[in-house]
Amino acid sequence: MKKIFYKNKIYSENEINKIATANDLATVDCLKDENMISVEEWNNGEGGDCLFEFNKTEEDEFLLTWSE
C-alpha cells in the first residue's frame, strides 16, 4: 500500500476521514473508549484489517502511532 499517512504529522479528524475516503478505506471512531481512530480496509461493506491507528493528542489533533 502506498504511503498516505505520515508519522510525526498532526491530523484533524476531518483530514483522516477525507484521506481514508479518497483511498477507499473505512475509519473507525474509538474516541469514546480508547481516544483513538483506526483506518481499515473495506471488507464486503464492513471494516476489515486495521492499517493505521491515530491517538488523540489534543482536541481534534491526532498522531499516527501505528501503521501496517
PDB file of N, CA and C in Angstrom:
ATOM      1  N   MET A   1       0.838  -1.180   0.000  1.00  0.00           N
ATOM      2  CA  MET A   1       0.000   0.000   0.000  1.00  0.00           C
ATOM      3  C   MET A   1       0.884   1.244   0.000  1.00  0.00           C
ATOM      4  N   LYS A   2       0.494   2.218  -0.805  1.00  0.00           N
ATOM      5  CA  LYS A   2       1.264   3.463  -0.847  1.00  0.00           C
ATOM      6  C   LYS A   2       1.121   4.218   0.468  1.00  0.00           C
ATOM      7  N   LYS A   3       2.081   5.055   0.723  1.00  0.00           N
ATOM      8  CA  LYS A   3       2.092   5.827   1.969  1.00  0.00           C
ATOM      9  C   LYS A   3       1.104   6.989   1.829  1.00  0.00           C
ATOM     10  N   ILE A   4       0.065   6.977   2.668  1.00  0.00           N
ATOM     11  CA  ILE A   4      -0.934   8.050   2.617  1.00  0.00           C
ATOM     12  C   ILE A   4      -0.991   8.847   3.907  1.00  0.00           C
ATOM     13  N   PHE A   5      -0.454   8.286   4.980  1.00  0.00           N
ATOM     14  CA  PHE A   5      -0.355   8.973   6.264  1.00  0.00           C
ATOM     15  C   PHE A   5       1.103   8.944   6.703  1.00  0.00           C
ATOM     16  N   TYR A   6       1.529   9.963   7.415  1.00  0.00           N
ATOM     17  CA  TYR A   6       2.932  10.079   7.804  1.00  0.00           C
ATOM     18  C   TYR A   6       3.071  10.244   9.315  1.00  0.00           C
ATOM     19  N   LYS A   7       4.064   9.585   9.872  1.00  0.00           N
ATOM     20  CA  LYS A   7       4.365   9.736  11.301  1.00  0.00           C
ATOM     21  C   LYS A   7       4.839  11.163  11.552  1.00  0.00           C
ATOM     22  N   ASN A   8       4.668  11.616  12.777  1.00  0.00           N
ATOM     23  CA  ASN A   8       5.083  12.946  13.227  1.00  0.00           C
ATOM     24  C   ASN A   8       4.326  14.087  12.568  1.00  0.00           C
ATOM     25  N   LYS A   9       3.229  13.795  11.895  1.00  0.00           N
ATOM     26  CA  LYS A   9       2.356  14.833  11.339  1.00  0.00           C
ATOM     27  C   LYS A   9       1.067  14.803  12.149  1.00  0.00           C
ATOM     28  N   ILE A  10       0.588  15.963  12.528  1.00  0.00           N
ATOM     29  CA  ILE A  10      -0.664  16.078  13.261  1.00  0.00           C
ATOM     30  C   ILE A  10      -1.803  16.156  12.244  1.00  0.00           C
ATOM     31  N   TYR A  11      -2.826  15.326  12.437  1.00  0.00           N
ATOM     32  CA  TYR A  11      -4.002  15.304  11.570  1.00  0.00           C
ATOM     33  C   TYR A  11      -5.232  15.707  12.367  1.00  0.00           C
ATOM     34  N   SER A  12      -6.190  16.319  11.693  1.00  0.00           N
ATOM     35  CA  SER A  12      -7.502  16.542  12.299  1.00  0.00           C
ATOM     36  C   SER A  12      -8.372  15.332  11.950  1.00  0.00           C
ATOM     37  N   GLU A  13      -9.460  15.165  12.669  1.00  0.00           N
ATOM     38  CA  GLU A  13     -10.370  14.059  12.364  1.00  0.00           C
ATOM     39  C   GLU A  13     -10.896  14.185  10.942  1.00  0.00           C
ATOM     40  N   ASN A  14     -11.191  15.395  10.519  1.00  0.00           N
ATOM     41  CA  ASN A  14     -11.683  15.637   9.167  1.00  0.00           C
ATOM     42  C   ASN A  14     -10.649  15.222   8.115  1.00  0.00           C
ATOM     43  N   GLU A  15      -9.373  15.550   8.329  1.00  0.00           N
ATOM     44  CA  GLU A  15      -8.320  15.158   7.395  1.00  0.00           C
ATOM     45  C   GLU A  15      -8.211  13.635   7.274  1.00  0.00           C
ATOM     46  N   ILE A  16      -8.253  12.958   8.414  1.00  0.00           N
ATOM     47  CA  ILE A  16      -8.173  11.497   8.413  1.00  0.00           C
ATOM     48  C   ILE A  16      -9.324  10.922   7.603  1.00  0.00           C
ATOM     49  N   ASN A  17     -10.533  11.421   7.845  1.00  0.00           N
ATOM     50  CA  ASN A  17     -11.707  10.930   7.121  1.00  0.00           C
ATOM     51  C   ASN A  17     -11.605  11.189   5.616  1.00  0.00           C
ATOM     52  N   LYS A  18     -11.167  12.378   5.226  1.00  0.00           N
ATOM     53  CA  LYS A  18     -11.045  12.716   3.798  1.00  0.00           C
ATOM     54  C   LYS A  18     -10.012  11.828   3.103  1.00  0.00           C
ATOM     55  N   ILE A  19      -8.850  11.638   3.716  1.00  0.00           N
ATOM     56  CA  ILE A  19      -7.799  10.812   3.125  1.00  0.00           C
ATOM     57  C   ILE A  19      -8.257   9.359   3.031  1.00  0.00           C
ATOM     58  N   ALA A  20      -8.895   8.865   4.081  1.00  0.00           N
ATOM     59  CA  ALA A  20      -9.391   7.488   4.068  1.00  0.00           C
ATOM     60  C   ALA A  20     -10.426   7.299   2.962  1.00  0.00           C
ATOM     61  N   THR A  21     -11.378   8.204   2.862  1.00  0.00           N
ATOM     62  CA  THR A  21     -12.423   8.103   1.839  1.00  0.00           C
ATOM     63  C   THR A  21     -11.829   8.154   0.436  1.00  0.00           C
ATOM     64  N   ALA A  22     -10.872   9.046   0.222  1.00  0.00           N
ATOM     65  CA  ALA A  22     -10.237   9.171  -1.093  1.00  0.00           C
ATOM     66  C   ALA A  22      -9.476   7.906  -1.487  1.00  0.00           C
ATOM     67  N   ASN A  23      -9.076   7.112  -0.501  1.00  0.00           N
ATOM     68  CA  ASN A  23      -8.334   5.879  -0.767  1.00  0.00           C
ATOM     69  C   ASN A  23      -9.174   4.624  -0.533  1.00  0.00           C
ATOM     70  N   ASP A  24     -10.508   4.807  -0.515  1.00  0.00           N
ATOM     71  CA  ASP A  24     -11.469   3.716  -0.356  1.00  0.00           C
ATOM     72  C   ASP A  24     -11.207   2.892   0.901  1.00  0.00           C
ATOM     73  N   LEU A  25     -10.952   3.598   2.009  1.00  0.00           N
ATOM     74  CA  LEU A  25     -10.730   2.967   3.303  1.00  0.00           C
ATOM     75  C   LEU A  25     -11.816   3.419   4.273  1.00  0.00           C
ATOM     76  N   ALA A  26     -11.997   2.680   5.347  1.00  0.00           N
ATOM     77  CA  ALA A  26     -13.009   2.991   6.355  1.00  0.00           C
ATOM     78  C   ALA A  26     -12.341   3.512   7.617  1.00  0.00           C
ATOM     79  N   THR A  27     -12.977   4.483   8.268  1.00  0.00           N
ATOM     80  CA  THR A  27     -12.481   4.945   9.564  1.00  0.00           C
ATOM     81  C   THR A  27     -13.383   4.387  10.660  1.00  0.00           C
ATOM     82  N   VAL A  28     -12.765   4.061  11.784  1.00  0.00           N
ATOM     83  CA  VAL A  28     -13.492   3.560  12.942  1.00  0.00           C
ATOM     84  C   VAL A  28     -13.190   4.494  14.106  1.00  0.00           C
ATOM     85  N   ASP A  29     -14.234   5.120  14.605  1.00  0.00           N
ATOM     86  CA  ASP A  29     -14.109   6.091  15.688  1.00  0.00           C
ATOM     87  C   ASP A  29     -14.145   5.360  17.031  1.00  0.00           C
ATOM     88  N   CYS A  30     -12.999   5.298  17.692  1.00  0.00           N
ATOM     89  CA  CYS A  30     -12.890   4.671  19.014  1.00  0.00           C
ATOM     90  C   CYS A  30     -12.589   5.734  20.066  1.00  0.00           C
ATOM     91  N   LEU A  31     -13.003   6.972  19.806  1.00  0.00           N
ATOM     92  CA  LEU A  31     -12.634   8.090  20.667  1.00  0.00           C
ATOM     93  C   LEU A  31     -13.221   7.964  22.065  1.00  0.00           C
ATOM     94  N   LYS A  32     -14.452   7.542  22.169  1.00  0.00           N
ATOM     95  CA  LYS A  32     -15.100   7.477  23.479  1.00  0.00           C
ATOM     96  C   LYS A  32     -14.422   6.460  24.399  1.00  0.00           C
ATOM     97  N   ASP A  33     -14.049   5.309  23.852  1.00  0.00           N
ATOM     98  CA  ASP A  33     -13.478   4.240  24.675  1.00  0.00           C
ATOM     99  C   ASP A  33     -11.956   4.268  24.752  1.00  0.00           C
ATOM    100  N   GLU A  34     -11.298   4.603  23.651  1.00  0.00           N
ATOM    101  CA  GLU A  34      -9.840   4.444  23.594  1.00  0.00           C
ATOM    102  C   GLU A  34      -9.067   5.693  23.172  1.00  0.00           C
ATOM    103  N   ASN A  35      -9.762   6.813  22.919  1.00  0.00           N
ATOM    104  CA  ASN A  35      -9.109   8.044  22.451  1.00  0.00           C
ATOM    105  C   ASN A  35      -8.278   7.821  21.192  1.00  0.00           C
ATOM    106  N   MET A  36      -8.839   7.082  20.244  1.00  0.00           N
ATOM    107  CA  MET A  36      -8.120   6.819  19.005  1.00  0.00           C
ATOM    108  C   MET A  36      -9.079   6.647  17.838  1.00  0.00           C
ATOM    109  N   ILE A  37      -8.522   6.744  16.638  1.00  0.00           N
ATOM    110  CA  ILE A  37      -9.228   6.467  15.389  1.00  0.00           C
ATOM    111  C   ILE A  37      -8.394   5.439  14.643  1.00  0.00           C
ATOM    112  N   SER A  38      -9.053   4.428  14.088  1.00  0.00           N
ATOM    113  CA  SER A  38      -8.329   3.479  13.251  1.00  0.00           C
ATOM    114  C   SER A  38      -8.845   3.583  11.817  1.00  0.00           C
ATOM    115  N   VAL A  39      -7.992   3.226  10.870  1.00  0.00           N
ATOM    116  CA  VAL A  39      -8.344   3.222   9.457  1.00  0.00           C
ATOM    117  C   VAL A  39      -8.166   1.792   8.968  1.00  0.00           C
ATOM    118  N   GLU A  40      -9.217   1.289   8.310  1.00  0.00           N
ATOM    119  CA  GLU A  40      -9.236  -0.112   7.900  1.00  0.00           C
ATOM    120  C   GLU A  40      -9.594  -0.245   6.428  1.00  0.00           C
ATOM    121  N   GLU A  41      -9.258  -1.406   5.865  1.00  0.00           N
ATOM    122  CA  GLU A  41      -9.696  -1.735   4.513  1.00  0.00           C
ATOM    123  C   GLU A  41     -11.164  -2.116   4.559  1.00  0.00           C
ATOM    124  N   TRP A  42     -11.886  -1.848   3.460  1.00  0.00           N
ATOM    125  CA  TRP A  42     -13.265  -2.309   3.360  1.00  0.00           C
ATOM    126  C   TRP A  42     -13.247  -3.803   3.122  1.00  0.00           C
ATOM    127  N   ASN A  43     -14.156  -4.507   3.763  1.00  0.00           N
ATOM    128  CA  ASN A  43     -14.260  -5.949   3.615  1.00  0.00           C
ATOM    129  C   ASN A  43     -15.731  -6.296   3.388  1.00  0.00           C
ATOM    130  N   ASN A  44     -16.140  -6.347   2.125  1.00  0.00           N
ATOM    131  CA  ASN A  44     -17.545  -6.625   1.781  1.00  0.00           C
ATOM    132  C   ASN A  44     -18.506  -5.678   2.497  1.00  0.00           C
ATOM    133  N   GLY A  45     -18.203  -4.400   2.455  1.00  0.00           N
ATOM    134  CA  GLY A  45     -19.082  -3.391   3.046  1.00  0.00           C
ATOM    135  C   GLY A  45     -18.862  -3.137   4.521  1.00  0.00           C
ATOM    136  N   GLU A  46     -17.936  -3.842   5.141  1.00  0.00           N
ATOM    137  CA  GLU A  46     -17.639  -3.644   6.549  1.00  0.00           C
ATOM    138  C   GLU A  46     -16.145  -3.399   6.705  1.00  0.00           C
ATOM    139  N   GLY A  47     -15.763  -2.896   7.875  1.00  0.00           N
ATOM    140  CA  GLY A  47     -14.347  -2.700   8.149  1.00  0.00           C
ATOM    141  C   GLY A  47     -13.609  -4.027   8.141  1.00  0.00           C
ATOM    142  N   GLY A  48     -12.340  -3.969   7.825  1.00  0.00           N
ATOM    143  CA  GLY A  48     -11.529  -5.182   7.781  1.00  0.00           C
ATOM    144  C   GLY A  48     -10.294  -5.027   8.629  1.00  0.00           C
ATOM    145  N   ASP A  49      -9.166  -5.425   8.071  1.00  0.00           N
ATOM    146  CA  ASP A  49      -7.905  -5.344   8.798  1.00  0.00           C
ATOM    147  C   ASP A  49      -7.505  -3.896   9.053  1.00  0.00           C
ATOM    148  N   CYS A  50      -7.029  -3.629  10.247  1.00  0.00           N
ATOM    149  CA  CYS A  50      -6.571  -2.291  10.613  1.00  0.00           C
ATOM    150  C   CYS A  50      -5.253  -1.991   9.899  1.00  0.00           C
ATOM    151  N   LEU A  51      -5.189  -0.826   9.273  1.00  0.00           N
ATOM    152  CA  LEU A  51      -3.979  -0.401   8.568  1.00  0.00           C
ATOM    153  C   LEU A  51      -3.245   0.720   9.284  1.00  0.00           C
ATOM    154  N   PHE A  52      -4.001   1.601   9.951  1.00  0.00           N
ATOM    155  CA  PHE A  52      -3.428   2.764  10.631  1.00  0.00           C
ATOM    156  C   PHE A  52      -4.170   3.013  11.932  1.00  0.00           C
ATOM    157  N   GLU A  53      -3.441   3.476  12.945  1.00  0.00           N
ATOM    158  CA  GLU A  53      -4.059   3.902  14.201  1.00  0.00           C
ATOM    159  C   GLU A  53      -3.537   5.284  14.562  1.00  0.00           C
ATOM    160  N   PHE A  54      -4.466   6.148  14.965  1.00  0.00           N
ATOM    161  CA  PHE A  54      -4.142   7.513  15.372  1.00  0.00           C
ATOM    162  C   PHE A  54      -4.600   7.724  16.798  1.00  0.00           C
ATOM    163  N   ASN A  55      -3.725   8.205  17.651  1.00  0.00           N
ATOM    164  CA  ASN A  55      -4.092   8.545  19.023  1.00  0.00           C
ATOM    165  C   ASN A  55      -4.382  10.029  19.123  1.00  0.00           C
ATOM    166  N   LYS A  56      -5.394  10.358  19.900  1.00  0.00           N
ATOM    167  CA  LYS A  56      -5.761  11.749  20.122  1.00  0.00           C
ATOM    168  C   LYS A  56      -4.731  12.370  21.054  1.00  0.00           C
ATOM    169  N   THR A  57      -4.148  13.488  20.631  1.00  0.00           N
ATOM    170  CA  THR A  57      -3.158  14.172  21.456  1.00  0.00           C
ATOM    171  C   THR A  57      -3.752  15.413  22.116  1.00  0.00           C
ATOM    172  N   GLU A  58      -4.657  16.063  21.420  1.00  0.00           N
ATOM    173  CA  GLU A  58      -5.361  17.240  21.933  1.00  0.00           C
ATOM    174  C   GLU A  58      -6.707  17.293  21.236  1.00  0.00           C
ATOM    175  N   GLU A  59      -7.486  18.309  21.549  1.00  0.00           N
ATOM    176  CA  GLU A  59      -8.786  18.452  20.902  1.00  0.00           C
ATOM    177  C   GLU A  59      -8.617  18.538  19.388  1.00  0.00           C
ATOM    178  N   ASP A  60      -9.181  17.575  18.662  1.00  0.00           N
ATOM    179  CA  ASP A  60      -9.122  17.468  17.197  1.00  0.00           C
ATOM    180  C   ASP A  60      -7.693  17.435  16.659  1.00  0.00           C
ATOM    181  N   GLU A  61      -6.777  16.847  17.390  1.00  0.00           N
ATOM    182  CA  GLU A  61      -5.410  16.603  16.918  1.00  0.00           C
ATOM    183  C   GLU A  61      -5.080  15.129  17.143  1.00  0.00           C
ATOM    184  N   PHE A  62      -4.637  14.491  16.078  1.00  0.00           N
ATOM    185  CA  PHE A  62      -4.357  13.063  16.109  1.00  0.00           C
ATOM    186  C   PHE A  62      -2.979  12.797  15.514  1.00  0.00           C
ATOM    187  N   LEU A  63      -2.269  11.859  16.115  1.00  0.00           N
ATOM    188  CA  LEU A  63      -0.925  11.492  15.692  1.00  0.00           C
ATOM    189  C   LEU A  63      -0.917  10.027  15.296  1.00  0.00           C
ATOM    190  N   LEU A  64      -0.347   9.724  14.129  1.00  0.00           N
ATOM    191  CA  LEU A  64      -0.219   8.347  13.678  1.00  0.00           C
ATOM    192  C   LEU A  64       0.720   7.609  14.623  1.00  0.00           C
ATOM    193  N   THR A  65       0.209   6.535  15.232  1.00  0.00           N
ATOM    194  CA  THR A  65       1.030   5.778  16.187  1.00  0.00           C
ATOM    195  C   THR A  65       1.342   4.373  15.713  1.00  0.00           C
ATOM    196  N   TRP A  66       0.611   3.902  14.702  1.00  0.00           N
ATOM    197  CA  TRP A  66       0.860   2.554  14.186  1.00  0.00           C
ATOM    198  C   TRP A  66       0.409   2.473  12.743  1.00  0.00           C
ATOM    199  N   SER A  67       1.184   1.789  11.912  1.00  0.00           N
ATOM    200  CA  SER A  67       0.775   1.520  10.534  1.00  0.00           C
ATOM    201  C   SER A  67       1.280   0.148  10.124  1.00  0.00           C
ATOM    202  N   GLU A  68       0.504  -0.502   9.280  1.00  0.00           N
ATOM    203  CA  GLU A  68       0.877  -1.841   8.813  1.00  0.00           C
ATOM    204  C   GLU A  68       1.957  -1.735   7.769  1.00  0.00           C
TER     205      GLU A  68
END
